[in-house]
Structure formats: C-alpha cells, structure tokens
Amino acid sequence: WKAGHVPLISWQPFGQQSNETSETIE
C-alpha cells in the first residue's frame, strides 16, 4: 500500500502445512 498500489489478496485456505490441507476444507 505504501508503495502506491491497492493490494489484491489471494486468500488461500491452506492449513499451516499446505500439503496436508484436508480435501474437505471448504
């Protein structure tokens, strides 16, 4: 933001260990 850009946050619902995220996370 301070650099002059509006952030576009790609919010990925991964767990703390992304490769162990449940297949039913949704």
PDB file of all heavy atoms in Angstrom:
ATOM      1  N   TRP A   1       0.828  -1.212   0.000  1.00  0.00           N
ATOM      2  CA  TRP A   1       0.000   0.000   0.000  1.00  0.00           C
ATOM      3  C   TRP A   1       0.861   1.260   0.000  1.00  0.00           C
ATOM      4  O   TRP A   1       0.615   2.201  -0.765  1.00  0.00           O
ATOM      5  CB  TRP A   1      -0.926   0.002   1.217  1.00  0.00           C
ATOM      6  CG  TRP A   1      -1.783   1.227   1.263  1.00  0.00           C
ATOM      7  CD1 TRP A   1      -1.517   2.399   1.909  1.00  0.00           C
ATOM      8  CD2 TRP A   1      -3.015   1.435   0.575  1.00  0.00           C
ATOM      9  NE1 TRP A   1      -2.514   3.307   1.689  1.00  0.00           N
ATOM     10  CE2 TRP A   1      -3.448   2.741   0.871  1.00  0.00           C
ATOM     11  CE3 TRP A   1      -3.810   0.624  -0.238  1.00  0.00           C
ATOM     12  CZ2 TRP A   1      -4.635   3.269   0.367  1.00  0.00           C
ATOM     13  CZ3 TRP A   1      -4.990   1.147  -0.744  1.00  0.00           C
ATOM     14  CH2 TRP A   1      -5.395   2.453  -0.440  1.00  0.00           C
ATOM     15  N   LYS A   2       1.869   1.288   0.851  1.00  0.00           N
ATOM     16  CA  LYS A   2       2.731   2.459   0.918  1.00  0.00           C
ATOM     17  C   LYS A   2       3.464   2.701  -0.397  1.00  0.00           C
ATOM     18  O   LYS A   2       3.813   3.840  -0.714  1.00  0.00           O
ATOM     19  CB  LYS A   2       3.744   2.308   2.054  1.00  0.00           C
ATOM     20  CG  LYS A   2       3.145   2.469   3.445  1.00  0.00           C
ATOM     21  CD  LYS A   2       4.229   2.350   4.502  1.00  0.00           C
ATOM     22  CE  LYS A   2       3.671   2.603   5.894  1.00  0.00           C
ATOM     23  NZ  LYS A   2       4.722   2.498   6.935  1.00  0.00           N
ATOM     24  N   ALA A   3       3.710   1.638  -1.143  1.00  0.00           N
ATOM     25  CA  ALA A   3       4.355   1.780  -2.452  1.00  0.00           C
ATOM     26  C   ALA A   3       3.402   2.321  -3.503  1.00  0.00           C
ATOM     27  O   ALA A   3       3.822   2.595  -4.628  1.00  0.00           O
ATOM     28  CB  ALA A   3       4.930   0.435  -2.897  1.00  0.00           C
ATOM     29  N   GLY A   4       2.114   2.471  -3.158  1.00  0.00           N
ATOM     30  CA  GLY A   4       1.169   3.119  -4.057  1.00  0.00           C
ATOM     31  C   GLY A   4       0.296   2.200  -4.866  1.00  0.00           C
ATOM     32  O   GLY A   4      -0.171   2.580  -5.945  1.00  0.00           O
ATOM     33  N   HIS A   5       0.013   0.981  -4.343  1.00  0.00           N
ATOM     34  CA  HIS A   5      -0.807   0.019  -5.071  1.00  0.00           C
ATOM     35  C   HIS A   5      -1.921  -0.513  -4.165  1.00  0.00           C
ATOM     36  O   HIS A   5      -1.702  -0.737  -2.968  1.00  0.00           O
ATOM     37  CB  HIS A   5       0.032  -1.172  -5.541  1.00  0.00           C
ATOM     38  CG  HIS A   5       1.331  -0.790  -6.170  1.00  0.00           C
ATOM     39  ND1 HIS A   5       1.447  -0.411  -7.480  1.00  0.00           N
ATOM     40  CD2 HIS A   5       2.589  -0.710  -5.644  1.00  0.00           C
ATOM     41  CE1 HIS A   5       2.714  -0.130  -7.752  1.00  0.00           C
ATOM     42  NE2 HIS A   5       3.421  -0.287  -6.646  1.00  0.00           N
ATOM     43  N   VAL A   6      -3.090  -0.743  -4.731  1.00  0.00           N
ATOM     44  CA  VAL A   6      -4.168  -1.401  -3.998  1.00  0.00           C
ATOM     45  C   VAL A   6      -3.882  -2.902  -4.000  1.00  0.00           C
ATOM     46  O   VAL A   6      -3.762  -3.507  -5.072  1.00  0.00           O
ATOM     47  CB  VAL A   6      -5.539  -1.123  -4.637  1.00  0.00           C
ATOM     48  CG1 VAL A   6      -6.634  -1.878  -3.896  1.00  0.00           C
ATOM     49  CG2 VAL A   6      -5.831   0.378  -4.659  1.00  0.00           C
ATOM     50  N   PRO A   7      -3.753  -3.535  -2.831  1.00  0.00           N
ATOM     51  CA  PRO A   7      -3.461  -4.968  -2.810  1.00  0.00           C
ATOM     52  C   PRO A   7      -4.660  -5.800  -3.275  1.00  0.00           C
ATOM     53  O   PRO A   7      -5.810  -5.481  -2.973  1.00  0.00           O
ATOM     54  CB  PRO A   7      -3.153  -5.253  -1.335  1.00  0.00           C
ATOM     55  CG  PRO A   7      -2.929  -3.924  -0.704  1.00  0.00           C
ATOM     56  CD  PRO A   7      -3.754  -2.947  -1.479  1.00  0.00           C
ATOM     57  N   LEU A   8      -4.360  -6.859  -3.998  1.00  0.00           N
ATOM     58  CA  LEU A   8      -5.342  -7.892  -4.324  1.00  0.00           C
ATOM     59  C   LEU A   8      -4.888  -9.148  -3.592  1.00  0.00           C
ATOM     60  O   LEU A   8      -3.898  -9.774  -3.973  1.00  0.00           O
ATOM     61  CB  LEU A   8      -5.423  -8.128  -5.836  1.00  0.00           C
ATOM     62  CG  LEU A   8      -6.577  -8.985  -6.365  1.00  0.00           C
ATOM     63  CD1 LEU A   8      -6.772  -8.754  -7.868  1.00  0.00           C
ATOM     64  CD2 LEU A   8      -6.373 -10.479  -6.116  1.00  0.00           C
ATOM     65  N   ILE A   9      -5.590  -9.487  -2.517  1.00  0.00           N
ATOM     66  CA  ILE A   9      -5.184 -10.592  -1.649  1.00  0.00           C
ATOM     67  C   ILE A   9      -5.776 -11.895  -2.172  1.00  0.00           C
ATOM     68  O   ILE A   9      -6.997 -12.078  -2.183  1.00  0.00           O
ATOM     69  CB  ILE A   9      -5.650 -10.359  -0.202  1.00  0.00           C
ATOM     70  CG1 ILE A   9      -5.086  -9.048   0.353  1.00  0.00           C
ATOM     71  CG2 ILE A   9      -5.257 -11.528   0.678  1.00  0.00           C
ATOM     72  CD1 ILE A   9      -5.664  -8.662   1.710  1.00  0.00           C
ATOM     73  N   SER A  10      -4.904 -12.796  -2.609  1.00  0.00           N
ATOM     74  CA  SER A  10      -5.328 -14.144  -2.986  1.00  0.00           C
ATOM     75  C   SER A  10      -5.263 -14.996  -1.720  1.00  0.00           C
ATOM     76  O   SER A  10      -4.200 -15.472  -1.320  1.00  0.00           O
ATOM     77  CB  SER A  10      -4.426 -14.707  -4.082  1.00  0.00           C
ATOM     78  OG  SER A  10      -4.519 -13.930  -5.253  1.00  0.00           O
ATOM     79  N   TRP A  11      -6.423 -15.178  -1.098  1.00  0.00           N
ATOM     80  CA  TRP A  11      -6.545 -15.801   0.227  1.00  0.00           C
ATOM     81  C   TRP A  11      -6.738 -17.297   0.025  1.00  0.00           C
ATOM     82  O   TRP A  11      -7.808 -17.746  -0.365  1.00  0.00           O
ATOM     83  CB  TRP A  11      -7.722 -15.155   0.956  1.00  0.00           C
ATOM     84  CG  TRP A  11      -7.900 -15.451   2.404  1.00  0.00           C
ATOM     85  CD1 TRP A  11      -7.350 -14.785   3.460  1.00  0.00           C
ATOM     86  CD2 TRP A  11      -8.762 -16.453   2.971  1.00  0.00           C
ATOM     87  NE1 TRP A  11      -7.801 -15.313   4.648  1.00  0.00           N
ATOM     88  CE2 TRP A  11      -8.665 -16.333   4.372  1.00  0.00           C
ATOM     89  CE3 TRP A  11      -9.585 -17.441   2.428  1.00  0.00           C
ATOM     90  CZ2 TRP A  11      -9.368 -17.166   5.236  1.00  0.00           C
ATOM     91  CZ3 TRP A  11     -10.289 -18.274   3.282  1.00  0.00           C
ATOM     92  CH2 TRP A  11     -10.180 -18.135   4.677  1.00  0.00           C
ATOM     93  N   GLN A  12      -5.677 -18.057   0.287  1.00  0.00           N
ATOM     94  CA  GLN A  12      -5.687 -19.495   0.022  1.00  0.00           C
ATOM     95  C   GLN A  12      -5.967 -20.257   1.314  1.00  0.00           C
ATOM     96  O   GLN A  12      -5.136 -20.209   2.234  1.00  0.00           O
ATOM     97  CB  GLN A  12      -4.339 -19.925  -0.562  1.00  0.00           C
ATOM     98  CG  GLN A  12      -3.964 -19.153  -1.829  1.00  0.00           C
ATOM     99  CD  GLN A  12      -2.591 -19.531  -2.354  1.00  0.00           C
ATOM    100  OE1 GLN A  12      -2.466 -19.994  -3.479  1.00  0.00           O
ATOM    101  NE2 GLN A  12      -1.557 -19.347  -1.554  1.00  0.00           N
ATOM    102  N   PRO A  13      -7.088 -20.974   1.416  1.00  0.00           N
ATOM    103  CA  PRO A  13      -7.419 -21.661   2.669  1.00  0.00           C
ATOM    104  C   PRO A  13      -6.614 -22.942   2.880  1.00  0.00           C
ATOM    105  O   PRO A  13      -7.163 -24.044   2.981  1.00  0.00           O
ATOM    106  CB  PRO A  13      -8.916 -21.938   2.537  1.00  0.00           C
ATOM    107  CG  PRO A  13      -9.177 -21.978   1.073  1.00  0.00           C
ATOM    108  CD  PRO A  13      -8.206 -21.017   0.451  1.00  0.00           C
ATOM    109  N   PHE A  14      -5.285 -22.782   2.950  1.00  0.00           N
ATOM    110  CA  PHE A  14      -4.393 -23.868   3.307  1.00  0.00           C
ATOM    111  C   PHE A  14      -4.181 -23.875   4.807  1.00  0.00           C
ATOM    112  O   PHE A  14      -4.176 -22.828   5.454  1.00  0.00           O
ATOM    113  CB  PHE A  14      -3.021 -23.680   2.639  1.00  0.00           C
ATOM    114  CG  PHE A  14      -2.982 -23.987   1.166  1.00  0.00           C
ATOM    115  CD1 PHE A  14      -2.544 -23.033   0.268  1.00  0.00           C
ATOM    116  CD2 PHE A  14      -3.354 -25.232   0.677  1.00  0.00           C
ATOM    117  CE1 PHE A  14      -2.485 -23.307  -1.085  1.00  0.00           C
ATOM    118  CE2 PHE A  14      -3.296 -25.516  -0.672  1.00  0.00           C
ATOM    119  CZ  PHE A  14      -2.862 -24.554  -1.561  1.00  0.00           C
ATOM    120  N   GLY A  15      -3.924 -25.069   5.338  1.00  0.00           N
ATOM    121  CA  GLY A  15      -3.511 -25.183   6.716  1.00  0.00           C
ATOM    122  C   GLY A  15      -2.065 -24.757   6.886  1.00  0.00           C
ATOM    123  O   GLY A  15      -1.383 -24.368   5.921  1.00  0.00           O
ATOM    124  N   GLN A  16      -1.570 -24.865   8.120  1.00  0.00           N
ATOM    125  CA  GLN A  16      -0.201 -24.433   8.401  1.00  0.00           C
ATOM    126  C   GLN A  16       0.800 -25.231   7.576  1.00  0.00           C
ATOM    127  O   GLN A  16       1.821 -24.707   7.147  1.00  0.00           O
ATOM    128  CB  GLN A  16       0.084 -24.567   9.897  1.00  0.00           C
ATOM    129  CG  GLN A  16       1.305 -23.803  10.350  1.00  0.00           C
ATOM    130  CD  GLN A  16       1.323 -23.599  11.848  1.00  0.00           C
ATOM    131  OE1 GLN A  16       0.368 -23.921  12.545  1.00  0.00           O
ATOM    132  NE2 GLN A  16       2.413 -23.063  12.365  1.00  0.00           N
ATOM    133  N   GLN A  17       0.517 -26.506   7.330  1.00  0.00           N
ATOM    134  CA  GLN A  17       1.271 -27.318   6.388  1.00  0.00           C
ATOM    135  C   GLN A  17       0.389 -27.484   5.154  1.00  0.00           C
ATOM    136  O   GLN A  17      -0.528 -28.296   5.138  1.00  0.00           O
ATOM    137  CB  GLN A  17       1.618 -28.679   6.998  1.00  0.00           C
ATOM    138  CG  GLN A  17       2.476 -28.602   8.247  1.00  0.00           C
ATOM    139  CD  GLN A  17       3.849 -28.000   7.959  1.00  0.00           C
ATOM    140  OE1 GLN A  17       4.452 -28.254   6.916  1.00  0.00           O
ATOM    141  NE2 GLN A  17       4.346 -27.187   8.892  1.00  0.00           N
ATOM    142  N   SER A  18       0.671 -26.694   4.108  1.00  0.00           N
ATOM    143  CA  SER A  18      -0.274 -26.604   2.998  1.00  0.00           C
ATOM    144  C   SER A  18      -0.527 -27.939   2.330  1.00  0.00           C
ATOM    145  O   SER A  18      -1.650 -28.232   1.904  1.00  0.00           O
ATOM    146  CB  SER A  18       0.210 -25.587   1.967  1.00  0.00           C
ATOM    147  OG  SER A  18       1.463 -25.967   1.439  1.00  0.00           O
ATOM    148  N   ASN A  19       0.505 -28.802   2.245  1.00  0.00           N
ATOM    149  CA  ASN A  19       0.311 -30.076   1.558  1.00  0.00           C
ATOM    150  C   ASN A  19      -0.466 -31.081   2.394  1.00  0.00           C
ATOM    151  O   ASN A  19      -0.764 -32.187   1.931  1.00  0.00           O
ATOM    152  CB  ASN A  19       1.663 -30.661   1.139  1.00  0.00           C
ATOM    153  CG  ASN A  19       2.582 -30.925   2.321  1.00  0.00           C
ATOM    154  OD1 ASN A  19       2.287 -30.516   3.441  1.00  0.00           O
ATOM    155  ND2 ASN A  19       3.693 -31.593   2.062  1.00  0.00           N
ATOM    156  N   GLU A  20      -0.799 -30.717   3.625  1.00  0.00           N
ATOM    157  CA  GLU A  20      -1.613 -31.580   4.476  1.00  0.00           C
ATOM    158  C   GLU A  20      -3.031 -31.042   4.653  1.00  0.00           C
ATOM    159  O   GLU A  20      -3.796 -31.546   5.473  1.00  0.00           O
ATOM    160  CB  GLU A  20      -0.938 -31.748   5.844  1.00  0.00           C
ATOM    161  CG  GLU A  20       0.430 -32.422   5.763  1.00  0.00           C
ATOM    162  CD  GLU A  20       1.121 -32.509   7.115  1.00  0.00           C
ATOM    163  OE1 GLU A  20       0.490 -32.115   8.121  1.00  0.00           O
ATOM    164  OE2 GLU A  20       2.278 -32.962   7.152  1.00  0.00           O
ATOM    165  N   THR A  21      -3.396 -30.050   3.868  1.00  0.00           N
ATOM    166  CA  THR A  21      -4.736 -29.462   3.980  1.00  0.00           C
ATOM    167  C   THR A  21      -5.790 -30.494   3.589  1.00  0.00           C
ATOM    168  O   THR A  21      -5.652 -31.197   2.592  1.00  0.00           O
ATOM    169  CB  THR A  21      -4.848 -28.230   3.067  1.00  0.00           C
ATOM    170  OG1 THR A  21      -3.853 -27.288   3.444  1.00  0.00           O
ATOM    171  CG2 THR A  21      -6.227 -27.585   3.180  1.00  0.00           C
ATOM    172  N   SER A  22      -6.851 -30.555   4.368  1.00  0.00           N
ATOM    173  CA  SER A  22      -7.922 -31.521   4.124  1.00  0.00           C
ATOM    174  C   SER A  22      -8.572 -31.293   2.776  1.00  0.00           C
ATOM    175  O   SER A  22      -8.751 -30.159   2.326  1.00  0.00           O
ATOM    176  CB  SER A  22      -8.978 -31.395   5.228  1.00  0.00           C
ATOM    177  OG  SER A  22     -10.145 -32.115   4.877  1.00  0.00           O
ATOM    178  N   GLU A  23      -8.974 -32.403   2.133  1.00  0.00           N
ATOM    179  CA  GLU A  23      -9.696 -32.303   0.869  1.00  0.00           C
ATOM    180  C   GLU A  23     -11.137 -31.840   1.066  1.00  0.00           C
ATOM    181  O   GLU A  23     -11.853 -31.599   0.094  1.00  0.00           O
ATOM    182  CB  GLU A  23      -9.691 -33.657   0.146  1.00  0.00           C
ATOM    183  CG  GLU A  23      -8.310 -34.239  -0.075  1.00  0.00           C
ATOM    184  CD  GLU A  23      -7.373 -33.304  -0.810  1.00  0.00           C
ATOM    185  OE1 GLU A  23      -7.873 -32.422  -1.528  1.00  0.00           O
ATOM    186  OE2 GLU A  23      -6.155 -33.450  -0.668  1.00  0.00           O
ATOM    187  N   THR A  24     -11.549 -31.723   2.305  1.00  0.00           N
ATOM    188  CA  THR A  24     -12.884 -31.182   2.597  1.00  0.00           C
ATOM    189  C   THR A  24     -12.772 -29.881   3.381  1.00  0.00           C
ATOM    190  O   THR A  24     -13.633 -29.557   4.195  1.00  0.00           O
ATOM    191  CB  THR A  24     -13.733 -32.211   3.384  1.00  0.00           C
ATOM    192  OG1 THR A  24     -13.028 -32.574   4.585  1.00  0.00           O
ATOM    193  CG2 THR A  24     -13.996 -33.450   2.548  1.00  0.00           C
ATOM    194  N   ILE A  25     -11.707 -29.123   3.117  1.00  0.00           N
ATOM    195  CA  ILE A  25     -11.504 -27.867   3.841  1.00  0.00           C
ATOM    196  C   ILE A  25     -12.679 -26.922   3.657  1.00  0.00           C
ATOM    197  O   ILE A  25     -13.093 -26.226   4.584  1.00  0.00           O
ATOM    198  CB  ILE A  25     -10.179 -27.191   3.399  1.00  0.00           C
ATOM    199  CG1 ILE A  25      -9.911 -25.926   4.211  1.00  0.00           C
ATOM    200  CG2 ILE A  25     -10.166 -26.887   1.912  1.00  0.00           C
ATOM    201  CD1 ILE A  25      -9.684 -26.150   5.684  1.00  0.00           C
ATOM    202  N   GLU A  26     -13.257 -26.897   2.446  1.00  0.00           N
ATOM    203  CA  GLU A  26     -14.383 -25.996   2.216  1.00  0.00           C
ATOM    204  C   GLU A  26     -15.594 -26.367   3.068  1.00  0.00           C
ATOM    205  O   GLU A  26     -16.338 -25.512   3.527  1.00  0.00           O
ATOM    206  CB  GLU A  26     -14.739 -25.939   0.724  1.00  0.00           C
ATOM    207  CG  GLU A  26     -15.174 -27.242   0.091  1.00  0.00           C
ATOM    208  CD  GLU A  26     -14.033 -28.059  -0.479  1.00  0.00           C
ATOM    209  OE1 GLU A  26     -13.111 -28.402   0.294  1.00  0.00           O
ATOM    210  OE2 GLU A  26     -14.070 -28.383  -1.673  1.00  0.00           O
TER     211      GLU A  26
END
